[in-house]
């Protein structure tokens, strides 16, 4: 894996499972993120200099796992007042939970999760948010990779400027039919 050299380091990161390719510009109202499932919420590296070793650790973990398929259930409400539409993972649920737990263990070596409300044992209802997206059909969808997204520090860059986001993808080993 190449070393990651940046003039500025992101302030915080999260991990997602992308269901389509992320374009270069994403993350604002004008440039929406494609369909994805957050697999690990925001975390902050204890030392910004650990970015290379953390990304290498995440890559090694992902490359040690086979891709798999998931299916989604009926749309229902999520969030504090159940008003945010989402779809629960029904097929492949245990594999998504195992992926989350493994990634969490890797991240905890170098970083602190900012809100552990839905981490570890509490990550028992994996789902996708459907704020601006159409629901997925019953057809299986491949989970082939994990994408790390970083947001730059507010004082150095605007938080929601899509050109000021860091992203790095990790493919799982093997093929999936």
C-alpha atoms as a PDB file:
ATOM      1  CA  UNK A   1       0.000   0.000   0.000  1.00  0.00           C
ATOM      2  CA  UNK A   2       1.406   3.437  -0.869  1.00  0.00           C
ATOM      3  CA  UNK A   3       2.175   5.888   1.913  1.00  0.00           C
ATOM      4  CA  UNK A   4      -0.473   8.547   2.349  1.00  0.00           C
ATOM      5  CA  UNK A   5       1.096  12.003   2.307  1.00  0.00           C
ATOM      6  CA  UNK A   6      -1.179  14.957   2.894  1.00  0.00           C
ATOM      7  CA  UNK A   7      -0.443  18.560   3.715  1.00  0.00           C
ATOM      8  CA  UNK A   8      -3.310  18.484   6.215  1.00  0.00           C
ATOM      9  CA  UNK A   9      -4.687  15.514   8.126  1.00  0.00           C
ATOM     10  CA  UNK A  10      -8.405  14.801   8.449  1.00  0.00           C
ATOM     11  CA  UNK A  11      -9.885  15.480  11.867  1.00  0.00           C
ATOM     12  CA  UNK A  12     -12.150  12.450  11.938  1.00  0.00           C
ATOM     13  CA  UNK A  13     -13.010   9.384   9.863  1.00  0.00           C
ATOM     14  CA  UNK A  14     -15.771   6.846   9.363  1.00  0.00           C
ATOM     15  CA  UNK A  15     -15.958   3.534   7.505  1.00  0.00           C
ATOM     16  CA  UNK A  16     -18.607   2.643   4.961  1.00  0.00           C
ATOM     17  CA  UNK A  17     -19.518  -0.232   2.669  1.00  0.00           C
ATOM     18  CA  UNK A  18     -20.117   1.321  -0.763  1.00  0.00           C
ATOM     19  CA  UNK A  19     -22.801  -0.184  -3.008  1.00  0.00           C
ATOM     20  CA  UNK A  20     -21.673   1.840  -6.012  1.00  0.00           C
ATOM     21  CA  UNK A  21     -18.565   3.761  -7.007  1.00  0.00           C
ATOM     22  CA  UNK A  22     -17.992   6.985  -5.119  1.00  0.00           C
ATOM     23  CA  UNK A  23     -17.232   9.879  -7.477  1.00  0.00           C
ATOM     24  CA  UNK A  24     -14.336  12.230  -6.810  1.00  0.00           C
ATOM     25  CA  UNK A  25     -16.720  14.906  -5.506  1.00  0.00           C
ATOM     26  CA  UNK A  26     -19.222  13.778  -2.881  1.00  0.00           C
ATOM     27  CA  UNK A  27     -20.543  14.592   0.547  1.00  0.00           C
ATOM     28  CA  UNK A  28     -22.594  17.787   0.170  1.00  0.00           C
ATOM     29  CA  UNK A  29     -26.153  18.599  -0.866  1.00  0.00           C
ATOM     30  CA  UNK A  30     -24.942  19.304  -4.406  1.00  0.00           C
ATOM     31  CA  UNK A  31     -22.776  16.164  -4.536  1.00  0.00           C
ATOM     32  CA  UNK A  32     -24.607  13.435  -2.646  1.00  0.00           C
ATOM     33  CA  UNK A  33     -22.793  10.299  -1.523  1.00  0.00           C
ATOM     34  CA  UNK A  34     -23.855   7.196  -3.478  1.00  0.00           C
ATOM     35  CA  UNK A  35     -25.694   4.338  -1.768  1.00  0.00           C
ATOM     36  CA  UNK A  36     -23.660   2.960   1.107  1.00  0.00           C
ATOM     37  CA  UNK A  37     -23.947   1.542   4.598  1.00  0.00           C
ATOM     38  CA  UNK A  38     -21.972   3.055   7.464  1.00  0.00           C
ATOM     39  CA  UNK A  39     -20.114   0.177   9.056  1.00  0.00           C
ATOM     40  CA  UNK A  40     -18.223   2.194  11.712  1.00  0.00           C
ATOM     41  CA  UNK A  41     -19.155   5.711  12.893  1.00  0.00           C
ATOM     42  CA  UNK A  42     -16.831   8.679  13.326  1.00  0.00           C
ATOM     43  CA  UNK A  43     -13.482   8.025  14.965  1.00  0.00           C
ATOM     44  CA  UNK A  44     -10.443  10.192  15.667  1.00  0.00           C
ATOM     45  CA  UNK A  45      -6.839   9.021  15.480  1.00  0.00           C
ATOM     46  CA  UNK A  46      -4.958   9.502  18.749  1.00  0.00           C
ATOM     47  CA  UNK A  47      -1.924  10.658  16.739  1.00  0.00           C
ATOM     48  CA  UNK A  48      -2.454  12.149  13.290  1.00  0.00           C
ATOM     49  CA  UNK A  49       0.850  10.585  12.257  1.00  0.00           C
ATOM     50  CA  UNK A  50      -0.786   7.140  12.624  1.00  0.00           C
ATOM     51  CA  UNK A  51      -2.822   7.578   9.435  1.00  0.00           C
ATOM     52  CA  UNK A  52      -0.497   5.388   7.346  1.00  0.00           C
ATOM     53  CA  UNK A  53      -0.310   2.514   9.821  1.00  0.00           C
ATOM     54  CA  UNK A  54      -4.061   2.695  10.557  1.00  0.00           C
ATOM     55  CA  UNK A  55      -4.962   2.565   6.856  1.00  0.00           C
ATOM     56  CA  UNK A  56      -2.521  -0.305   6.344  1.00  0.00           C
ATOM     57  CA  UNK A  57      -4.125  -2.179   9.264  1.00  0.00           C
ATOM     58  CA  UNK A  58      -7.599  -1.640   7.810  1.00  0.00           C
ATOM     59  CA  UNK A  59      -6.396  -2.781   4.388  1.00  0.00           C
ATOM     60  CA  UNK A  60      -4.809  -5.923   5.809  1.00  0.00           C
ATOM     61  CA  UNK A  61      -8.003  -6.759   7.706  1.00  0.00           C
ATOM     62  CA  UNK A  62     -10.208  -6.255   4.631  1.00  0.00           C
ATOM     63  CA  UNK A  63      -7.886  -8.262   2.385  1.00  0.00           C
ATOM     64  CA  UNK A  64      -8.165 -11.186   4.818  1.00  0.00           C
ATOM     65  CA  UNK A  65     -11.948 -11.440   4.333  1.00  0.00           C
ATOM     66  CA  UNK A  66     -14.006 -12.885   1.527  1.00  0.00           C
ATOM     67  CA  UNK A  67     -16.696 -10.724  -0.063  1.00  0.00           C
ATOM     68  CA  UNK A  68     -20.299 -11.671   0.670  1.00  0.00           C
ATOM     69  CA  UNK A  69     -23.847 -10.719  -0.279  1.00  0.00           C
ATOM     70  CA  UNK A  70     -26.530  -8.927   1.697  1.00  0.00           C
ATOM     71  CA  UNK A  71     -30.240  -8.420   1.222  1.00  0.00           C
ATOM     72  CA  UNK A  72     -32.387  -5.713   2.739  1.00  0.00           C
ATOM     73  CA  UNK A  73     -35.817  -5.924   4.360  1.00  0.00           C
ATOM     74  CA  UNK A  74     -38.832  -3.652   4.361  1.00  0.00           C
ATOM     75  CA  UNK A  75     -38.364   0.081   4.920  1.00  0.00           C
ATOM     76  CA  UNK A  76     -38.904   1.181   8.509  1.00  0.00           C
ATOM     77  CA  UNK A  77     -38.093   4.126  10.758  1.00  0.00           C
ATOM     78  CA  UNK A  78     -34.741   4.647  12.481  1.00  0.00           C
ATOM     79  CA  UNK A  79     -33.231   7.396  14.583  1.00  0.00           C
ATOM     80  CA  UNK A  80     -34.263   8.852  17.944  1.00  0.00           C
ATOM     81  CA  UNK A  81     -37.889   9.352  16.896  1.00  0.00           C
ATOM     82  CA  UNK A  82     -38.023   6.602  14.222  1.00  0.00           C
ATOM     83  CA  UNK A  83     -38.573   9.214  11.501  1.00  0.00           C
ATOM     84  CA  UNK A  84     -35.466   8.454   9.403  1.00  0.00           C
ATOM     85  CA  UNK A  85     -36.312   5.888   6.718  1.00  0.00           C
ATOM     86  CA  UNK A  86     -33.982   2.906   6.478  1.00  0.00           C
ATOM     87  CA  UNK A  87     -33.783  -0.733   5.458  1.00  0.00           C
ATOM     88  CA  UNK A  88     -32.451  -3.419   7.785  1.00  0.00           C
ATOM     89  CA  UNK A  89     -29.949  -5.988   6.587  1.00  0.00           C
ATOM     90  CA  UNK A  90     -31.752  -9.348   6.641  1.00  0.00           C
ATOM     91  CA  UNK A  91     -29.553 -11.639   4.549  1.00  0.00           C
ATOM     92  CA  UNK A  92     -25.863 -11.538   5.513  1.00  0.00           C
ATOM     93  CA  UNK A  93     -26.640  -9.772   8.793  1.00  0.00           C
ATOM     94  CA  UNK A  94     -24.181 -11.871  10.829  1.00  0.00           C
ATOM     95  CA  UNK A  95     -21.422 -11.211   8.286  1.00  0.00           C
ATOM     96  CA  UNK A  96     -22.052  -7.446   8.448  1.00  0.00           C
ATOM     97  CA  UNK A  97     -21.907  -7.553  12.250  1.00  0.00           C
ATOM     98  CA  UNK A  98     -18.667  -9.581  12.127  1.00  0.00           C
ATOM     99  CA  UNK A  99     -17.181  -7.098   9.640  1.00  0.00           C
ATOM    100  CA  UNK A 100     -18.133  -4.205  11.931  1.00  0.00           C
ATOM    101  CA  UNK A 101     -16.646  -5.876  15.016  1.00  0.00           C
ATOM    102  CA  UNK A 102     -13.400  -6.735  13.230  1.00  0.00           C
ATOM    103  CA  UNK A 103     -13.000  -3.220  11.822  1.00  0.00           C
ATOM    104  CA  UNK A 104     -13.774  -1.774  15.259  1.00  0.00           C
ATOM    105  CA  UNK A 105     -10.997  -3.868  16.816  1.00  0.00           C
ATOM    106  CA  UNK A 106      -8.523  -2.631  14.178  1.00  0.00           C
ATOM    107  CA  UNK A 107      -9.550   1.005  14.591  1.00  0.00           C
ATOM    108  CA  UNK A 108      -9.283   0.877  18.385  1.00  0.00           C
ATOM    109  CA  UNK A 109      -5.542   0.186  18.052  1.00  0.00           C
ATOM    110  CA  UNK A 110      -4.968   3.758  16.825  1.00  0.00           C
ATOM    111  CA  UNK A 111      -8.170   5.701  17.359  1.00  0.00           C
ATOM    112  CA  UNK A 112     -11.108   6.470  19.603  1.00  0.00           C
ATOM    113  CA  UNK A 113     -14.696   6.157  18.373  1.00  0.00           C
ATOM    114  CA  UNK A 114     -16.459   9.469  19.013  1.00  0.00           C
ATOM    115  CA  UNK A 115     -19.865   7.949  19.829  1.00  0.00           C
ATOM    116  CA  UNK A 116     -19.971   4.286  20.832  1.00  0.00           C
ATOM    117  CA  UNK A 117     -23.787   4.184  21.012  1.00  0.00           C
ATOM    118  CA  UNK A 118     -24.061   1.829  18.033  1.00  0.00           C
ATOM    119  CA  UNK A 119     -20.721   0.003  18.258  1.00  0.00           C
ATOM    120  CA  UNK A 120     -19.699  -3.495  19.279  1.00  0.00           C
ATOM    121  CA  UNK A 121     -22.566  -5.417  20.889  1.00  0.00           C
ATOM    122  CA  UNK A 122     -24.923  -2.479  20.213  1.00  0.00           C
ATOM    123  CA  UNK A 123     -24.355  -2.890  16.450  1.00  0.00           C
ATOM    124  CA  UNK A 124     -27.135  -5.471  16.314  1.00  0.00           C
ATOM    125  CA  UNK A 125     -29.442  -3.919  13.707  1.00  0.00           C
ATOM    126  CA  UNK A 126     -27.288  -2.995  10.698  1.00  0.00           C
ATOM    127  CA  UNK A 127     -29.217  -0.975   8.133  1.00  0.00           C
ATOM    128  CA  UNK A 128     -28.895   1.596   5.395  1.00  0.00           C
ATOM    129  CA  UNK A 129     -30.281   5.097   5.611  1.00  0.00           C
ATOM    130  CA  UNK A 130     -32.664   6.105   2.836  1.00  0.00           C
ATOM    131  CA  UNK A 131     -32.866   9.873   3.318  1.00  0.00           C
ATOM    132  CA  UNK A 132     -32.600  10.644  -0.394  1.00  0.00           C
ATOM    133  CA  UNK A 133     -32.342   7.148  -1.866  1.00  0.00           C
ATOM    134  CA  UNK A 134     -34.866   4.692  -3.241  1.00  0.00           C
ATOM    135  CA  UNK A 135     -35.141   1.419  -1.306  1.00  0.00           C
ATOM    136  CA  UNK A 136     -33.169  -1.606  -2.435  1.00  0.00           C
ATOM    137  CA  UNK A 137     -35.090  -4.511  -3.918  1.00  0.00           C
ATOM    138  CA  UNK A 138     -34.935  -8.051  -2.523  1.00  0.00           C
ATOM    139  CA  UNK A 139     -32.022  -8.854  -4.846  1.00  0.00           C
ATOM    140  CA  UNK A 140     -28.711  -9.662  -3.126  1.00  0.00           C
ATOM    141  CA  UNK A 141     -26.051  -6.940  -3.199  1.00  0.00           C
ATOM    142  CA  UNK A 142     -22.344  -7.705  -3.009  1.00  0.00           C
ATOM    143  CA  UNK A 143     -20.183  -6.387  -0.179  1.00  0.00           C
ATOM    144  CA  UNK A 144     -16.749  -6.260  -1.806  1.00  0.00           C
ATOM    145  CA  UNK A 145     -14.972  -3.367  -0.148  1.00  0.00           C
ATOM    146  CA  UNK A 146     -14.762  -0.883   2.696  1.00  0.00           C
ATOM    147  CA  UNK A 147     -14.193   2.827   2.198  1.00  0.00           C
ATOM    148  CA  UNK A 148     -12.576   5.109   4.777  1.00  0.00           C
ATOM    149  CA  UNK A 149     -13.863   8.693   4.632  1.00  0.00           C
ATOM    150  CA  UNK A 150     -12.102  11.541   6.436  1.00  0.00           C
ATOM    151  CA  UNK A 151     -13.288  15.084   7.084  1.00  0.00           C
ATOM    152  CA  UNK A 152     -10.719  17.819   7.358  1.00  0.00           C
ATOM    153  CA  UNK A 153     -10.379  20.074  10.366  1.00  0.00           C
ATOM    154  CA  UNK A 154     -12.870  22.936  10.352  1.00  0.00           C
ATOM    155  CA  UNK A 155     -10.231  25.636  10.896  1.00  0.00           C
ATOM    156  CA  UNK A 156      -8.171  24.498   7.898  1.00  0.00           C
ATOM    157  CA  UNK A 157     -11.000  23.657   5.477  1.00  0.00           C
ATOM    158  CA  UNK A 158     -14.742  23.856   5.282  1.00  0.00           C
ATOM    159  CA  UNK A 159     -16.081  20.608   6.707  1.00  0.00           C
ATOM    160  CA  UNK A 160     -18.577  20.037   3.856  1.00  0.00           C
ATOM    161  CA  UNK A 161     -16.337  20.918   0.918  1.00  0.00           C
ATOM    162  CA  UNK A 162     -16.243  17.720  -1.179  1.00  0.00           C
ATOM    163  CA  UNK A 163     -12.751  18.541  -2.437  1.00  0.00           C
ATOM    164  CA  UNK A 164     -11.534  18.525   1.154  1.00  0.00           C
ATOM    165  CA  UNK A 165     -12.503  14.964   1.972  1.00  0.00           C
ATOM    166  CA  UNK A 166     -10.106  12.058   2.238  1.00  0.00           C
ATOM    167  CA  UNK A 167     -11.191   8.671   0.958  1.00  0.00           C
ATOM    168  CA  UNK A 168      -9.346   5.392   0.680  1.00  0.00           C
ATOM    169  CA  UNK A 169     -10.827   2.057  -0.350  1.00  0.00           C
ATOM    170  CA  UNK A 170      -9.961  -1.486   0.684  1.00  0.00           C
ATOM    171  CA  UNK A 171     -11.066  -4.477  -1.396  1.00  0.00           C
ATOM    172  CA  UNK A 172     -11.816  -7.826   0.140  1.00  0.00           C
ATOM    173  CA  UNK A 173      -9.947 -10.821  -1.221  1.00  0.00           C
ATOM    174  CA  UNK A 174     -11.457 -13.207  -3.707  1.00  0.00           C
ATOM    175  CA  UNK A 175     -14.395 -13.011  -6.048  1.00  0.00           C
ATOM    176  CA  UNK A 176     -18.087 -13.256  -5.533  1.00  0.00           C
ATOM    177  CA  UNK A 177     -20.598 -14.618  -8.027  1.00  0.00           C
END
